[in-house]
Amino acid sequence: MPEFLELLPPPDALHVLLRSLPVLLQGETIATRDALGRVTSSPVTAPHHLPSFIRSTVDGYAVRAMDTYGANDSLPSYLSLIGEVPMGGVPDFSVAPGRCALIHTGGMLPEGADAVVMVEHTQLVPPEEIEVFRAVAVGENLLKVGEDVTAGDLVIPTGTRLRPAEIGGLMALGITHLSVARQPRVGILSSGDEVIPPEAPLEPGKVHDVNAYTLSALVEGAGGKPVIYGIIPDRADILERSARQALEECNVVVITAGSSASARDLTAEVINRLGNPGVLVHGVNVRPGKPTILAVCQGKAVIGLPGNPVSALVIASLFVIPVIEKALGLIRSSPRASVNARLTINLPSQAGREDWVPVKLIQDAAGTLAEPVFGKSNLIFNLARADGLLCIPADATGLPAGAQVEVLLMI
């Protein structure tokens, strides 16, 4: 197969890939406590109001607001203290005119009261009276019934990645189990005659496998389940056999090719034999990562990444993560954390090609600086030394020193 017949811009290449993939919304029911980072596969509605009773937001005194009107430091209002609201219980008394009750944050408002005076704005006059130094309005320092959500409200739509806040909200509603999308299994194959396992002694001409482990971490962070299929030699029959097994057992297959052009051609040829439509994109107009292969075989994404560790990780961020998110049915990708910084030096680029450059962030008196970390695409610690990546767009020939840039943080 001829290499790089047409170099597509990364957004166009991703569109070609995603439009050929089905959305996988197979659901499973799990405990809410275990659902952090998972994606909902069905909508969640509130079974009851939240809060389900009128409750205080402060420590203070439950009062009738009209009994405090006009109160100030020089002319306080005086109210009789009739009792204390039990935490976690229902008060067995009501607040009549001229009376009040001690209440704590989260306590249930007794009948007759319609506001709470903060304890800081009162003074106890023994044995059973308080002075109020500040007036309150009706509803002040209270949470109303259903002020957060009302019964039947859609609280979490389908396709939402669950964060700690959603977990807490579900527990507040008593929802201890929910339906989430199954995590897509992502098969990872490292190929190359020069690649050996990390635990093997390093020999001349050999390199330890880096990609299987960086890609596994990336897949897990995106919500998938990585499945490592080991190191495959540069032989078409062995690569095809392993790739077919991964395609049968997984939802997505990722192959990191050997360093040579012949190895990349071998990967493309093997992928084309796995099923229709086969290779959709062979070559992306980006650096690092030009020799990227995007394919769909038997309705599943098969992605061929460069063998160089930096290239593989950058390209996987651009293509593997969106494929996982589509498989999960995620309706909205979380924006990647980024910071604005000032470029420290002139950064040249080739027009017509999108460049991703690792940078280190430095703080100075004037703000945040972005200092490029230069190095070849097979030096993984160049990427490990970086705090993030900046993109030089395809229509630019570089960026000048002092330019304001957006740096996507590596997390």
Protein backbone atom coordinates (compact mmCIF):
# COMPACT_ATOMS: atom_id res chain seq x y z
CA MET A 1 0.00 0.00 0.00
CA PRO A 2 1.47 3.40 -0.90
CA GLU A 3 2.12 5.47 2.21
CA PHE A 4 0.55 8.87 2.92
CA LEU A 5 -1.48 9.27 -0.27
CA GLU A 6 -3.41 12.08 1.40
CA LEU A 7 -2.58 13.78 4.67
CA LEU A 8 -5.79 14.88 6.38
CA PRO A 9 -5.91 17.55 9.10
CA PRO A 10 -6.56 15.92 12.50
CA PRO A 11 -10.17 17.21 12.86
CA ASP A 12 -11.07 15.94 9.38
CA ALA A 13 -9.43 12.58 10.05
CA LEU A 14 -11.31 12.21 13.33
CA HIS A 15 -14.60 13.04 11.61
CA VAL A 16 -13.97 10.36 8.98
CA LEU A 17 -13.35 7.81 11.73
CA LEU A 18 -16.19 8.68 14.10
CA ARG A 19 -18.89 8.89 11.43
CA SER A 20 -18.15 5.25 10.53
CA LEU A 21 -18.55 3.97 14.10
CA PRO A 22 -21.75 2.96 15.88
CA VAL A 23 -22.53 4.29 19.33
CA LEU A 24 -22.24 1.54 21.91
CA LEU A 25 -24.73 2.00 24.72
CA GLN A 26 -24.73 -1.40 26.37
CA GLY A 27 -25.58 -0.76 29.98
CA GLU A 28 -24.89 -2.45 33.27
CA THR A 29 -26.12 -1.73 36.78
CA ILE A 30 -23.48 -0.91 39.38
CA ALA A 31 -23.38 0.54 42.89
CA THR A 32 -23.37 4.34 42.91
CA ARG A 33 -20.39 4.32 45.26
CA ASP A 34 -18.37 2.60 42.50
CA ALA A 35 -19.59 4.85 39.67
CA LEU A 36 -16.99 7.63 39.75
CA GLY A 37 -15.86 8.34 36.18
CA ARG A 38 -18.49 6.08 34.63
CA VAL A 39 -20.99 7.30 32.02
CA THR A 40 -24.74 7.00 32.53
CA SER A 41 -26.57 4.82 30.00
CA SER A 42 -30.07 5.93 31.02
CA PRO A 43 -31.53 9.12 32.49
CA VAL A 44 -31.76 9.55 36.25
CA THR A 45 -34.81 11.29 37.73
CA ALA A 46 -35.37 12.45 41.28
CA PRO A 47 -37.60 10.06 43.29
CA HIS A 48 -38.49 12.83 45.78
CA HIS A 49 -37.95 16.50 46.56
CA LEU A 50 -34.53 17.62 47.72
CA PRO A 51 -34.58 18.97 50.37
CA SER A 52 -37.62 17.03 51.49
CA PHE A 53 -38.36 19.43 54.38
CA ILE A 54 -37.67 23.08 55.19
CA ARG A 55 -34.26 23.18 56.86
CA SER A 56 -31.95 25.74 58.38
CA THR A 57 -28.70 26.72 56.63
CA VAL A 58 -27.15 28.20 59.79
CA ASP A 59 -26.90 27.77 63.54
CA GLY A 60 -29.33 30.19 65.18
CA TYR A 61 -32.93 30.62 66.22
CA ALA A 62 -36.11 29.73 64.35
CA VAL A 63 -38.36 32.79 64.45
CA ARG A 64 -41.33 34.51 62.89
CA ALA A 65 -39.65 37.11 60.66
CA MET A 66 -42.17 39.80 61.59
CA ASP A 67 -41.06 39.53 65.23
CA THR A 68 -37.59 40.80 64.25
CA TYR A 69 -38.57 43.77 62.07
CA GLY A 70 -36.79 46.92 63.18
CA ALA A 71 -34.29 45.09 65.39
CA ASN A 72 -30.81 46.63 65.61
CA ASP A 73 -27.87 46.94 67.98
CA SER A 74 -29.36 49.84 69.94
CA LEU A 75 -32.94 48.56 69.93
CA PRO A 76 -33.01 44.73 69.88
CA SER A 77 -36.09 42.57 69.70
CA TYR A 78 -36.75 40.26 72.65
CA LEU A 79 -38.08 36.74 72.09
CA SER A 80 -38.91 33.96 74.50
CA LEU A 81 -36.90 30.75 73.98
CA ILE A 82 -39.24 27.76 74.04
CA GLY A 83 -36.94 24.88 73.19
CA GLU A 84 -34.43 23.29 70.81
CA VAL A 85 -35.07 21.58 67.47
CA PRO A 86 -33.76 17.99 67.68
CA MET A 87 -31.21 17.18 64.96
CA GLY A 88 -32.54 14.42 62.73
CA GLY A 89 -35.99 14.66 64.28
CA VAL A 90 -39.30 16.47 63.91
CA PRO A 91 -39.91 19.28 66.43
CA ASP A 92 -42.93 18.56 68.63
CA PHE A 93 -43.73 22.23 69.18
CA SER A 94 -44.64 25.28 67.12
CA VAL A 95 -43.32 28.84 67.26
CA ALA A 96 -45.98 31.35 68.32
CA PRO A 97 -45.66 35.16 68.07
CA GLY A 98 -42.93 36.54 70.30
CA ARG A 99 -41.24 33.14 70.66
CA CYS A 100 -38.28 31.32 69.12
CA ALA A 101 -36.46 27.98 69.18
CA LEU A 102 -32.77 27.07 69.03
CA ILE A 103 -31.97 25.36 65.70
CA HIS A 104 -28.77 23.97 64.18
CA THR A 105 -27.59 23.81 60.58
CA GLY A 106 -29.69 21.21 58.76
CA GLY A 107 -32.41 21.17 61.41
CA MET A 108 -36.10 21.00 60.46
CA LEU A 109 -37.97 24.29 60.78
CA PRO A 110 -40.77 24.05 63.34
CA GLU A 111 -44.35 25.03 62.54
CA GLY A 112 -45.04 28.73 62.87
CA ALA A 113 -41.45 29.82 62.10
CA ASP A 114 -40.58 31.27 58.69
CA ALA A 115 -36.94 32.37 59.08
CA VAL A 116 -33.78 31.78 61.10
CA VAL A 117 -31.69 34.43 62.86
CA MET A 118 -27.98 33.62 62.88
CA VAL A 119 -26.66 33.01 66.39
CA GLU A 120 -24.00 35.70 65.77
CA HIS A 121 -26.80 38.29 65.63
CA THR A 122 -28.31 37.35 68.98
CA GLN A 123 -27.47 37.25 72.64
CA LEU A 124 -28.89 34.87 75.22
CA VAL A 125 -30.56 36.54 78.19
CA PRO A 126 -30.85 33.90 80.93
CA PRO A 127 -32.85 32.01 81.65
CA GLU A 128 -35.14 31.78 78.57
CA GLU A 129 -34.95 34.88 76.42
CA ILE A 130 -32.81 36.13 73.51
CA GLU A 131 -31.99 39.56 72.16
CA VAL A 132 -32.10 39.87 68.35
CA PHE A 133 -29.85 42.58 66.90
CA ARG A 134 -30.64 42.16 63.19
CA ALA A 135 -33.94 41.71 61.39
CA VAL A 136 -34.49 38.78 59.02
CA ALA A 137 -36.83 38.42 56.06
CA VAL A 138 -39.27 35.60 55.45
CA GLY A 139 -37.30 32.59 54.12
CA GLU A 140 -33.91 33.95 55.19
CA ASN A 141 -31.31 31.30 56.13
CA LEU A 142 -33.61 28.49 55.00
CA LEU A 143 -33.69 25.86 52.27
CA LYS A 144 -37.18 25.32 50.88
CA VAL A 145 -38.70 21.97 49.97
CA GLY A 146 -37.50 21.05 46.48
CA GLU A 147 -35.18 24.04 46.24
CA ASP A 148 -32.43 21.77 44.87
CA VAL A 149 -34.59 19.40 42.79
CA THR A 150 -38.25 18.44 42.76
CA ALA A 151 -39.65 14.93 42.46
CA GLY A 152 -39.56 13.76 38.85
CA ASP A 153 -36.87 16.22 37.74
CA LEU A 154 -34.23 14.94 35.33
CA VAL A 155 -31.12 15.25 37.46
CA ILE A 156 -28.56 13.41 35.30
CA PRO A 157 -29.13 12.83 31.57
CA THR A 158 -27.92 9.84 29.59
CA GLY A 159 -24.30 10.11 28.53
CA THR A 160 -23.01 12.02 31.57
CA ARG A 161 -19.63 11.20 33.08
CA LEU A 162 -20.11 11.02 36.83
CA ARG A 163 -18.00 13.26 39.05
CA PRO A 164 -17.88 13.43 42.86
CA ALA A 165 -20.72 16.01 42.82
CA GLU A 166 -23.02 13.67 40.87
CA ILE A 167 -22.15 10.77 43.19
CA GLY A 168 -23.09 12.92 46.19
CA GLY A 169 -26.32 14.09 44.56
CA LEU A 170 -27.38 10.53 43.79
CA MET A 171 -26.73 9.46 47.36
CA ALA A 172 -28.69 12.47 48.64
CA LEU A 173 -31.64 11.12 46.65
CA GLY A 174 -31.12 7.61 48.00
CA ILE A 175 -30.14 6.24 44.58
CA THR A 176 -27.63 3.53 45.49
CA HIS A 177 -27.51 1.78 42.10
CA LEU A 178 -27.73 3.07 38.53
CA SER A 179 -27.21 2.05 34.92
CA VAL A 180 -23.91 3.00 33.29
CA ALA A 181 -22.34 2.23 29.92
CA ARG A 182 -20.04 -0.76 29.89
CA GLN A 183 -16.42 0.27 29.66
CA PRO A 184 -15.14 -0.42 26.14
CA ARG A 185 -12.33 -2.95 26.04
CA VAL A 186 -9.35 -1.55 24.17
CA GLY A 187 -6.88 -4.12 22.86
CA ILE A 188 -3.29 -2.85 22.74
CA LEU A 189 -0.69 -4.52 20.53
CA SER A 190 2.94 -3.44 20.49
CA SER A 191 4.78 -4.49 17.36
CA GLY A 192 8.42 -4.36 16.37
CA ASP A 193 11.34 -6.78 16.31
CA GLU A 194 13.31 -4.37 18.47
CA VAL A 195 10.74 -4.22 21.30
CA ILE A 196 11.12 -6.34 24.46
CA PRO A 197 9.15 -6.45 27.75
CA PRO A 198 10.16 -3.96 30.46
CA GLU A 199 11.16 -6.80 32.79
CA ALA A 200 13.60 -8.30 30.28
CA PRO A 201 17.30 -7.36 30.47
CA LEU A 202 18.11 -4.65 27.96
CA GLU A 203 20.18 -5.94 25.04
CA PRO A 204 22.03 -4.09 22.27
CA GLY A 205 19.61 -3.04 19.55
CA LYS A 206 16.53 -3.61 21.75
CA VAL A 207 14.18 -1.19 23.51
CA HIS A 208 11.77 -1.78 26.35
CA ASP A 209 8.06 -1.58 25.56
CA VAL A 210 6.81 1.86 26.57
CA ASN A 211 3.69 2.27 24.47
CA ALA A 212 1.64 -0.57 25.93
CA TYR A 213 1.83 1.02 29.36
CA THR A 214 1.41 4.70 28.48
CA LEU A 215 -1.56 3.78 26.28
CA SER A 216 -3.07 1.58 29.01
CA ALA A 217 -2.94 4.50 31.42
CA LEU A 218 -4.49 6.80 28.83
CA VAL A 219 -7.28 4.31 28.10
CA GLU A 220 -8.09 3.91 31.79
CA GLY A 221 -8.17 7.68 32.26
CA ALA A 222 -10.62 7.99 29.36
CA GLY A 223 -12.97 5.38 30.83
CA GLY A 224 -11.95 2.28 28.90
CA LYS A 225 -10.52 -1.09 29.93
CA PRO A 226 -7.07 -1.74 28.46
CA VAL A 227 -6.19 -5.28 27.39
CA ILE A 228 -2.51 -5.79 26.56
CA TYR A 229 -1.82 -8.46 23.94
CA GLY A 230 1.94 -8.39 24.23
CA ILE A 231 4.71 -7.68 21.76
CA ILE A 232 4.24 -8.81 18.17
CA PRO A 233 7.19 -9.32 15.80
CA ASP A 234 7.20 -7.68 12.37
CA ARG A 235 5.54 -10.67 10.71
CA ALA A 236 2.24 -10.29 8.92
CA ASP A 237 0.86 -13.69 9.93
CA ILE A 238 1.53 -13.22 13.66
CA LEU A 239 0.31 -9.62 13.65
CA GLU A 240 -2.87 -10.58 11.81
CA ARG A 241 -3.58 -13.48 14.17
CA SER A 242 -3.12 -11.31 17.25
CA ALA A 243 -5.11 -8.43 15.77
CA ARG A 244 -8.01 -10.75 14.88
CA GLN A 245 -8.07 -12.06 18.43
CA ALA A 246 -8.07 -8.53 19.83
CA LEU A 247 -10.81 -7.48 17.39
CA GLU A 248 -12.97 -10.41 18.49
CA GLU A 249 -12.47 -9.78 22.20
CA CYS A 250 -12.41 -5.97 22.32
CA ASN A 251 -14.39 -2.94 21.18
CA VAL A 252 -11.35 -1.00 19.96
CA VAL A 253 -7.93 -2.19 18.77
CA VAL A 254 -4.78 -0.07 18.95
CA ILE A 255 -1.56 -1.18 17.26
CA THR A 256 1.74 0.62 17.69
CA ALA A 257 3.84 -0.07 14.62
CA GLY A 258 7.57 -0.63 14.41
CA SER A 259 9.81 2.27 13.53
CA SER A 260 10.46 1.43 9.90
CA ALA A 261 8.29 2.47 6.96
CA SER A 262 7.96 -1.19 5.97
CA ALA A 263 6.56 -2.00 9.42
CA ARG A 264 3.96 0.74 9.06
CA ASP A 265 2.99 -0.57 5.63
CA LEU A 266 2.72 -4.06 7.15
CA THR A 267 0.33 -2.74 9.80
CA ALA A 268 -1.89 -1.07 7.20
CA GLU A 269 -1.98 -4.22 5.08
CA VAL A 270 -2.91 -6.38 8.05
CA ILE A 271 -5.63 -3.96 9.19
CA ASN A 272 -7.15 -4.00 5.70
CA ARG A 273 -7.54 -7.77 5.99
CA LEU A 274 -9.44 -7.59 9.29
CA GLY A 275 -12.75 -6.52 7.75
CA ASN A 276 -14.59 -3.86 5.82
CA PRO A 277 -14.31 -0.99 5.22
CA GLY A 278 -10.72 -1.24 6.46
CA VAL A 279 -8.27 1.65 6.38
CA LEU A 280 -10.02 5.03 6.11
CA VAL A 281 -7.08 7.32 6.76
CA HIS A 282 -3.39 6.57 6.28
CA GLY A 283 -1.43 9.63 7.27
CA VAL A 284 -2.48 12.67 9.30
CA ASN A 285 -1.13 16.16 8.79
CA VAL A 286 0.26 16.55 12.28
CA ARG A 287 3.59 16.44 14.06
CA PRO A 288 4.38 14.26 15.86
CA GLY A 289 2.36 11.38 14.44
CA LYS A 290 2.12 11.68 10.66
CA PRO A 291 2.09 7.86 10.04
CA THR A 292 -1.25 7.38 11.83
CA ILE A 293 -3.69 4.76 10.51
CA LEU A 294 -7.42 5.07 11.20
CA ALA A 295 -9.65 2.16 10.24
CA VAL A 296 -12.99 0.52 10.93
CA CYS A 297 -13.20 -3.27 10.73
CA GLN A 298 -16.40 -5.18 11.50
CA GLY A 299 -17.89 -2.04 13.04
CA LYS A 300 -14.95 -1.50 15.42
CA ALA A 301 -12.22 1.12 15.39
CA VAL A 302 -8.71 -0.08 14.63
CA ILE A 303 -6.03 2.57 15.10
CA GLY A 304 -2.41 2.24 14.04
CA LEU A 305 -0.12 4.54 16.00
CA PRO A 306 3.50 5.47 15.39
CA GLY A 307 5.99 3.43 17.37
CA ASN A 308 7.75 6.43 18.86
CA PRO A 309 6.43 6.85 22.42
CA VAL A 310 5.82 10.60 22.29
CA SER A 311 4.07 10.37 18.92
CA ALA A 312 1.97 7.44 20.09
CA LEU A 313 0.79 9.22 23.22
CA VAL A 314 0.00 12.52 21.50
CA ILE A 315 -1.91 10.83 18.66
CA ALA A 316 -3.77 8.56 21.08
CA SER A 317 -4.97 11.69 22.88
CA LEU A 318 -6.32 13.03 19.58
CA PHE A 319 -7.97 9.85 18.29
CA VAL A 320 -8.21 7.03 20.84
CA ILE A 321 -9.87 9.13 23.57
CA PRO A 322 -12.68 10.40 21.26
CA VAL A 323 -13.34 6.83 20.09
CA ILE A 324 -13.67 5.67 23.70
CA GLU A 325 -15.98 8.58 24.50
CA LYS A 326 -18.22 7.72 21.54
CA ALA A 327 -18.31 4.07 22.61
CA LEU A 328 -19.43 5.21 26.06
CA GLY A 329 -22.16 7.40 24.58
CA LEU A 330 -20.67 10.45 26.25
CA ILE A 331 -22.76 13.44 25.20
CA ARG A 332 -20.21 16.08 26.15
CA SER A 333 -16.49 15.74 26.49
CA SER A 334 -15.12 17.46 29.56
CA PRO A 335 -12.95 20.38 28.48
CA ARG A 336 -9.29 19.59 28.95
CA ALA A 337 -7.65 21.62 31.68
CA SER A 338 -5.53 24.37 30.21
CA VAL A 339 -3.65 27.51 31.20
CA ASN A 340 -2.73 30.62 29.26
CA ALA A 341 0.98 31.34 29.14
CA ARG A 342 3.55 33.48 27.38
CA LEU A 343 5.91 31.70 24.96
CA THR A 344 9.57 32.15 25.95
CA ILE A 345 11.17 31.79 22.49
CA ASN A 346 10.33 31.87 18.80
CA LEU A 347 8.79 28.55 17.78
CA PRO A 348 8.97 27.75 14.05
CA SER A 349 6.51 25.46 12.29
CA GLN A 350 5.74 24.22 8.83
CA ALA A 351 2.69 25.86 7.29
CA GLY A 352 -0.09 23.44 6.44
CA ARG A 353 0.74 21.06 9.31
CA GLU A 354 -0.59 21.05 12.87
CA ASP A 355 2.25 20.84 15.39
CA TRP A 356 1.93 19.77 19.01
CA VAL A 357 4.83 20.92 21.15
CA PRO A 358 5.53 19.83 24.75
CA VAL A 359 6.22 22.75 27.08
CA LYS A 360 7.24 23.29 30.67
CA LEU A 361 5.38 25.94 32.64
CA ILE A 362 7.41 28.47 34.61
CA GLN A 363 6.10 31.14 36.97
CA ASP A 364 7.71 34.58 37.01
CA ALA A 365 6.71 37.99 38.31
CA ALA A 366 4.78 38.73 35.11
CA GLY A 367 2.81 35.50 35.05
CA THR A 368 3.12 32.04 33.50
CA LEU A 369 5.74 31.22 30.87
CA ALA A 370 5.66 28.32 28.41
CA GLU A 371 9.14 26.97 27.65
CA PRO A 372 9.28 24.39 24.84
CA VAL A 373 10.85 21.03 25.65
CA PHE A 374 12.74 20.08 22.54
CA GLY A 375 13.55 16.51 21.64
CA LYS A 376 12.90 13.72 19.20
CA SER A 377 9.66 11.81 19.23
CA ASN A 378 11.16 8.63 20.66
CA LEU A 379 12.37 10.29 23.88
CA ILE A 380 9.62 9.61 26.41
CA PHE A 381 11.22 11.63 29.21
CA ASN A 382 11.02 14.75 27.09
CA LEU A 383 7.27 14.36 27.43
CA ALA A 384 7.55 13.40 31.11
CA ARG A 385 9.45 16.66 31.75
CA ALA A 386 6.66 18.70 30.15
CA ASP A 387 3.64 20.10 31.95
CA GLY A 388 1.48 20.31 28.85
CA LEU A 389 1.18 20.64 25.09
CA LEU A 390 0.55 23.64 22.91
CA CYS A 391 -0.79 23.47 19.38
CA ILE A 392 0.60 25.47 16.47
CA PRO A 393 -2.29 25.59 13.99
CA ALA A 394 -1.84 24.43 10.42
CA ASP A 395 -2.28 27.92 9.00
CA ALA A 396 0.67 29.33 10.98
CA THR A 397 4.39 29.24 10.22
CA GLY A 398 5.24 29.38 13.90
CA LEU A 399 4.71 31.48 16.99
CA PRO A 400 6.82 34.44 18.15
CA ALA A 401 8.43 34.80 21.55
CA GLY A 402 6.03 36.52 23.91
CA ALA A 403 2.92 35.18 22.17
CA GLN A 404 0.02 34.25 24.41
CA VAL A 405 -0.64 30.53 24.02
CA GLU A 406 -3.05 28.00 25.45
CA VAL A 407 -1.30 25.02 27.05
CA LEU A 408 -3.31 21.82 27.46
CA LEU A 409 -2.22 20.30 30.75
CA MET A 410 -1.01 16.74 30.91
CA ILE A 411 -2.83 15.05 33.76
